[in-house]
Amino acid sequence: MLSAMGPFRRRGEQILAEHGIEGVEPEGWYPLAAYVGALNTIGEKMGPNTLYQIGRQIPNHVVMPPGIDDFPKVLASFGMAFDMNHRGGPPTGTTITFTQQSPTRGDIVTGTPYPCDFDRGVITGFFQKLLASAVTVQRREDAPCKAHGGDTCTYHVTIPGR
């Protein structure tokens, strides 16, 4: 998270400390509620684009599923990657589902504790890292949204030009 904040890293460290997370280590594990609280504070104080940019960097710092090399496999493995990177498995009540519409288009529905823009960034970074390709990830306006009281957010994922 901090590496994605660039020149605002010190501010990120302060916000994490406000939520009880200090002396951050790249390989460290931190309480989920404190981390989510810090992300929410970052969103409030620094805006949704900062959350998105932090999310985009997450795939560069976590364990990724092996053998994932095409759009359908990446789409299907997002939930598995999420589970792999939460100690003790996914947080209680978390759901991640997907539907594939074509070889280059699909939807991911996230019911995670994380802010929407962070989730959108993680999805974007996940596809970019595994496919080494441009990707478009847009929140579906016709579906529920966690930011507006929903339990999930739905993101439409497209690999353009293929």
C-alpha atoms as a PDB file:
ATOM      1  CA  MET A   1       0.000   0.000   0.000  1.00  0.00           C
ATOM      2  CA  LEU A   2       2.660   2.494   0.998  1.00  0.00           C
ATOM      3  CA  SER A   3       4.764   1.975  -2.131  1.00  0.00           C
ATOM      4  CA  ALA A   4       1.747   2.928  -4.262  1.00  0.00           C
ATOM      5  CA  MET A   5       1.383   6.246  -2.440  1.00  0.00           C
ATOM      6  CA  GLY A   6       4.601   7.683  -3.906  1.00  0.00           C
ATOM      7  CA  PRO A   7       5.227  11.172  -2.516  1.00  0.00           C
ATOM      8  CA  PHE A   8       2.311  10.721  -0.080  1.00  0.00           C
ATOM      9  CA  ARG A   9       3.913   7.734   1.645  1.00  0.00           C
ATOM     10  CA  ARG A  10       4.412   9.625   4.924  1.00  0.00           C
ATOM     11  CA  ARG A  11       0.729  10.531   4.961  1.00  0.00           C
ATOM     12  CA  GLY A  12      -0.109   6.866   4.388  1.00  0.00           C
ATOM     13  CA  GLU A  13       2.115   5.870   7.313  1.00  0.00           C
ATOM     14  CA  GLN A  14       0.335   8.425   9.518  1.00  0.00           C
ATOM     15  CA  ILE A  15      -3.093   7.098   8.529  1.00  0.00           C
ATOM     16  CA  LEU A  16      -2.016   3.504   9.162  1.00  0.00           C
ATOM     17  CA  ALA A  17      -0.665   4.547  12.586  1.00  0.00           C
ATOM     18  CA  GLU A  18      -4.013   6.218  13.381  1.00  0.00           C
ATOM     19  CA  HIS A  19      -5.534   2.770  12.849  1.00  0.00           C
ATOM     20  CA  GLY A  20      -2.946   0.967  14.993  1.00  0.00           C
ATOM     21  CA  ILE A  21      -0.634  -0.235  12.225  1.00  0.00           C
ATOM     22  CA  GLU A  22       2.964   0.898  12.715  1.00  0.00           C
ATOM     23  CA  GLY A  23       6.377  -0.306  11.566  1.00  0.00           C
ATOM     24  CA  VAL A  24       4.964  -1.787   8.370  1.00  0.00           C
ATOM     25  CA  GLU A  25       6.964  -4.676   6.913  1.00  0.00           C
ATOM     26  CA  PRO A  26       6.423  -5.781   3.284  1.00  0.00           C
ATOM     27  CA  GLU A  27       5.865  -9.403   4.364  1.00  0.00           C
ATOM     28  CA  GLY A  28       3.879  -8.495   7.477  1.00  0.00           C
ATOM     29  CA  TRP A  29       0.287  -9.451   8.270  1.00  0.00           C
ATOM     30  CA  TYR A  30      -1.984  -6.807   9.771  1.00  0.00           C
ATOM     31  CA  PRO A  31      -5.477  -6.844  11.294  1.00  0.00           C
ATOM     32  CA  LEU A  32      -8.040  -6.655   8.507  1.00  0.00           C
ATOM     33  CA  ALA A  33     -10.355  -4.225  10.310  1.00  0.00           C
ATOM     34  CA  ALA A  34      -7.475  -1.791  10.893  1.00  0.00           C
ATOM     35  CA  TYR A  35      -6.291  -2.072   7.276  1.00  0.00           C
ATOM     36  CA  VAL A  36      -9.800  -1.538   5.878  1.00  0.00           C
ATOM     37  CA  GLY A  37     -10.284   1.384   8.262  1.00  0.00           C
ATOM     38  CA  ALA A  38      -7.052   2.942   7.004  1.00  0.00           C
ATOM     39  CA  LEU A  39      -8.150   2.472   3.387  1.00  0.00           C
ATOM     40  CA  ASN A  40     -11.486   4.138   4.150  1.00  0.00           C
ATOM     41  CA  THR A  41      -9.661   7.072   5.750  1.00  0.00           C
ATOM     42  CA  ILE A  42      -7.366   7.349   2.727  1.00  0.00           C
ATOM     43  CA  GLY A  43     -10.442   7.412   0.490  1.00  0.00           C
ATOM     44  CA  GLU A  44     -12.052  10.152   2.592  1.00  0.00           C
ATOM     45  CA  LYS A  45      -8.920  12.305   2.858  1.00  0.00           C
ATOM     46  CA  MET A  46      -7.148  11.620  -0.427  1.00  0.00           C
ATOM     47  CA  GLY A  47      -9.911  10.558  -2.795  1.00  0.00           C
ATOM     48  CA  PRO A  48     -11.030   7.540  -4.819  1.00  0.00           C
ATOM     49  CA  ASN A  49      -8.172   7.703  -7.331  1.00  0.00           C
ATOM     50  CA  THR A  50      -5.644   7.167  -4.528  1.00  0.00           C
ATOM     51  CA  LEU A  51      -7.543   4.028  -3.447  1.00  0.00           C
ATOM     52  CA  TYR A  52      -7.618   2.848  -7.062  1.00  0.00           C
ATOM     53  CA  GLN A  53      -3.860   3.395  -7.483  1.00  0.00           C
ATOM     54  CA  ILE A  54      -3.106   1.568  -4.227  1.00  0.00           C
ATOM     55  CA  GLY A  55      -5.289  -1.329  -5.365  1.00  0.00           C
ATOM     56  CA  ARG A  56      -3.545  -1.491  -8.752  1.00  0.00           C
ATOM     57  CA  GLN A  57      -0.224  -2.099  -7.000  1.00  0.00           C
ATOM     58  CA  ILE A  58      -1.426  -4.915  -4.728  1.00  0.00           C
ATOM     59  CA  PRO A  59      -0.848  -7.699  -7.326  1.00  0.00           C
ATOM     60  CA  ASN A  60       2.830  -6.680  -7.438  1.00  0.00           C
ATOM     61  CA  HIS A  61       3.226  -7.524  -3.743  1.00  0.00           C
ATOM     62  CA  VAL A  62       1.168 -10.682  -3.187  1.00  0.00           C
ATOM     63  CA  VAL A  63       1.208 -14.374  -4.060  1.00  0.00           C
ATOM     64  CA  MET A  64      -0.424 -15.099  -7.427  1.00  0.00           C
ATOM     65  CA  PRO A  65      -1.961 -18.392  -8.547  1.00  0.00           C
ATOM     66  CA  PRO A  66       0.355 -20.387 -10.859  1.00  0.00           C
ATOM     67  CA  GLY A  67      -0.377 -21.186 -14.515  1.00  0.00           C
ATOM     68  CA  ILE A  68      -2.780 -18.317 -15.155  1.00  0.00           C
ATOM     69  CA  ASP A  69      -2.127 -17.074 -18.689  1.00  0.00           C
ATOM     70  CA  ASP A  70      -5.372 -16.224 -20.501  1.00  0.00           C
ATOM     71  CA  PHE A  71      -8.479 -14.139 -19.859  1.00  0.00           C
ATOM     72  CA  PRO A  72     -10.819 -16.982 -18.821  1.00  0.00           C
ATOM     73  CA  LYS A  73      -8.246 -18.351 -16.343  1.00  0.00           C
ATOM     74  CA  VAL A  74      -7.535 -14.915 -14.878  1.00  0.00           C
ATOM     75  CA  LEU A  75     -11.251 -14.200 -14.532  1.00  0.00           C
ATOM     76  CA  ALA A  76     -11.845 -17.542 -12.822  1.00  0.00           C
ATOM     77  CA  SER A  77      -8.840 -17.221 -10.490  1.00  0.00           C
ATOM     78  CA  PHE A  78      -9.488 -13.785  -8.973  1.00  0.00           C
ATOM     79  CA  GLY A  79     -11.379 -15.237  -6.009  1.00  0.00           C
ATOM     80  CA  MET A  80      -8.683 -17.868  -5.438  1.00  0.00           C
ATOM     81  CA  ALA A  81      -5.979 -15.174  -5.431  1.00  0.00           C
ATOM     82  CA  PHE A  82      -8.002 -13.166  -2.908  1.00  0.00           C
ATOM     83  CA  ASP A  83      -8.294 -16.211  -0.630  1.00  0.00           C
ATOM     84  CA  MET A  84      -4.558 -17.011  -0.941  1.00  0.00           C
ATOM     85  CA  ASN A  85      -3.622 -13.580   0.354  1.00  0.00           C
ATOM     86  CA  HIS A  86      -5.698 -13.497   3.523  1.00  0.00           C
ATOM     87  CA  ARG A  87      -4.236 -15.362   6.476  1.00  0.00           C
ATOM     88  CA  GLY A  88      -6.636 -18.078   7.575  1.00  0.00           C
ATOM     89  CA  GLY A  89      -8.616 -17.783   4.337  1.00  0.00           C
ATOM     90  CA  PRO A  90     -11.043 -15.115   3.202  1.00  0.00           C
ATOM     91  CA  PRO A  91     -12.744 -12.847   5.741  1.00  0.00           C
ATOM     92  CA  THR A  92     -16.097 -14.144   6.979  1.00  0.00           C
ATOM     93  CA  GLY A  93     -18.913 -13.236   4.614  1.00  0.00           C
ATOM     94  CA  THR A  94     -16.642 -12.511   1.656  1.00  0.00           C
ATOM     95  CA  THR A  95     -17.917 -13.543  -1.763  1.00  0.00           C
ATOM     96  CA  ILE A  96     -16.280 -13.221  -5.145  1.00  0.00           C
ATOM     97  CA  THR A  97     -18.016 -14.570  -8.224  1.00  0.00           C
ATOM     98  CA  PHE A  98     -17.560 -14.139 -11.952  1.00  0.00           C
ATOM     99  CA  THR A  99     -19.384 -14.541 -15.238  1.00  0.00           C
ATOM    100  CA  GLN A 100     -17.675 -14.703 -18.589  1.00  0.00           C
ATOM    101  CA  GLN A 101     -19.480 -13.152 -21.585  1.00  0.00           C
ATOM    102  CA  SER A 102     -16.799 -13.755 -24.231  1.00  0.00           C
ATOM    103  CA  PRO A 103     -13.099 -14.694 -24.483  1.00  0.00           C
ATOM    104  CA  THR A 104     -12.219 -11.081 -23.557  1.00  0.00           C
ATOM    105  CA  ARG A 105     -15.164  -9.829 -21.470  1.00  0.00           C
ATOM    106  CA  GLY A 106     -16.641 -10.747 -18.123  1.00  0.00           C
ATOM    107  CA  ASP A 107     -17.962  -9.523 -14.788  1.00  0.00           C
ATOM    108  CA  ILE A 108     -16.495  -9.926 -11.319  1.00  0.00           C
ATOM    109  CA  VAL A 109     -18.795  -9.435  -8.331  1.00  0.00           C
ATOM    110  CA  THR A 110     -16.948  -8.597  -5.121  1.00  0.00           C
ATOM    111  CA  GLY A 111     -18.451  -8.846  -1.676  1.00  0.00           C
ATOM    112  CA  THR A 112     -15.277  -7.898   0.179  1.00  0.00           C
ATOM    113  CA  PRO A 113     -14.748  -5.563   3.137  1.00  0.00           C
ATOM    114  CA  TYR A 114     -12.589  -3.274   0.978  1.00  0.00           C
ATOM    115  CA  PRO A 115     -13.666   0.072  -0.542  1.00  0.00           C
ATOM    116  CA  CYS A 116     -15.019  -0.118  -4.106  1.00  0.00           C
ATOM    117  CA  ASP A 117     -12.251   1.896  -5.756  1.00  0.00           C
ATOM    118  CA  PHE A 118      -9.608  -0.247  -4.056  1.00  0.00           C
ATOM    119  CA  ASP A 119     -11.305  -3.430  -5.353  1.00  0.00           C
ATOM    120  CA  ARG A 120     -11.477  -1.943  -8.861  1.00  0.00           C
ATOM    121  CA  GLY A 121      -7.763  -1.159  -8.701  1.00  0.00           C
ATOM    122  CA  VAL A 122      -6.868  -4.659  -7.481  1.00  0.00           C
ATOM    123  CA  ILE A 123      -8.871  -6.221 -10.323  1.00  0.00           C
ATOM    124  CA  THR A 124      -7.174  -3.927 -12.857  1.00  0.00           C
ATOM    125  CA  GLY A 125      -3.689  -4.700 -11.527  1.00  0.00           C
ATOM    126  CA  PHE A 126      -4.429  -8.441 -11.350  1.00  0.00           C
ATOM    127  CA  PHE A 127      -5.376  -8.633 -15.034  1.00  0.00           C
ATOM    128  CA  GLN A 128      -2.531  -6.328 -16.129  1.00  0.00           C
ATOM    129  CA  LYS A 129       0.067  -8.340 -14.236  1.00  0.00           C
ATOM    130  CA  LEU A 130      -1.066 -11.790 -15.346  1.00  0.00           C
ATOM    131  CA  LEU A 131      -1.883 -10.942 -18.963  1.00  0.00           C
ATOM    132  CA  ALA A 132       0.674  -8.163 -19.544  1.00  0.00           C
ATOM    133  CA  SER A 133      -2.118  -6.394 -21.389  1.00  0.00           C
ATOM    134  CA  ALA A 134      -4.252  -3.293 -21.191  1.00  0.00           C
ATOM    135  CA  VAL A 135      -7.545  -3.865 -19.404  1.00  0.00           C
ATOM    136  CA  THR A 136     -10.670  -1.814 -18.787  1.00  0.00           C
ATOM    137  CA  VAL A 137     -12.457  -2.324 -15.464  1.00  0.00           C
ATOM    138  CA  GLN A 138     -15.676  -0.384 -14.923  1.00  0.00           C
ATOM    139  CA  ARG A 139     -18.170  -0.561 -12.095  1.00  0.00           C
ATOM    140  CA  ARG A 140     -21.564  -1.642 -13.422  1.00  0.00           C
ATOM    141  CA  GLU A 141     -24.010   1.164 -12.677  1.00  0.00           C
ATOM    142  CA  ASP A 142     -26.974  -1.218 -13.049  1.00  0.00           C
ATOM    143  CA  ALA A 143     -25.828  -3.389 -10.116  1.00  0.00           C
ATOM    144  CA  PRO A 144     -25.629  -2.833  -6.334  1.00  0.00           C
ATOM    145  CA  CYS A 145     -22.622  -0.956  -4.937  1.00  0.00           C
ATOM    146  CA  LYS A 146     -21.026  -1.201  -1.496  1.00  0.00           C
ATOM    147  CA  ALA A 147     -20.539   2.582  -1.471  1.00  0.00           C
ATOM    148  CA  HIS A 148     -24.310   3.002  -1.733  1.00  0.00           C
ATOM    149  CA  GLY A 149     -25.368   0.399   0.822  1.00  0.00           C
ATOM    150  CA  GLY A 150     -25.086  -2.757  -1.286  1.00  0.00           C
ATOM    151  CA  ASP A 151     -23.317  -5.911  -0.153  1.00  0.00           C
ATOM    152  CA  THR A 152     -21.388  -6.253  -3.420  1.00  0.00           C
ATOM    153  CA  CYS A 153     -20.010  -4.325  -6.376  1.00  0.00           C
ATOM    154  CA  THR A 154     -19.970  -5.613  -9.936  1.00  0.00           C
ATOM    155  CA  TYR A 155     -17.108  -4.764 -12.283  1.00  0.00           C
ATOM    156  CA  HIS A 156     -17.161  -5.280 -16.037  1.00  0.00           C
ATOM    157  CA  VAL A 157     -13.713  -6.366 -17.247  1.00  0.00           C
ATOM    158  CA  THR A 158     -12.684  -6.050 -20.903  1.00  0.00           C
ATOM    159  CA  ILE A 159      -9.452  -6.653 -22.777  1.00  0.00           C
ATOM    160  CA  PRO A 160      -9.743  -4.018 -25.523  1.00  0.00           C
ATOM    161  CA  GLY A 161      -8.895  -4.689 -29.144  1.00  0.00           C
ATOM    162  CA  ARG A 162      -8.897  -8.465 -29.025  1.00  0.00           C
END
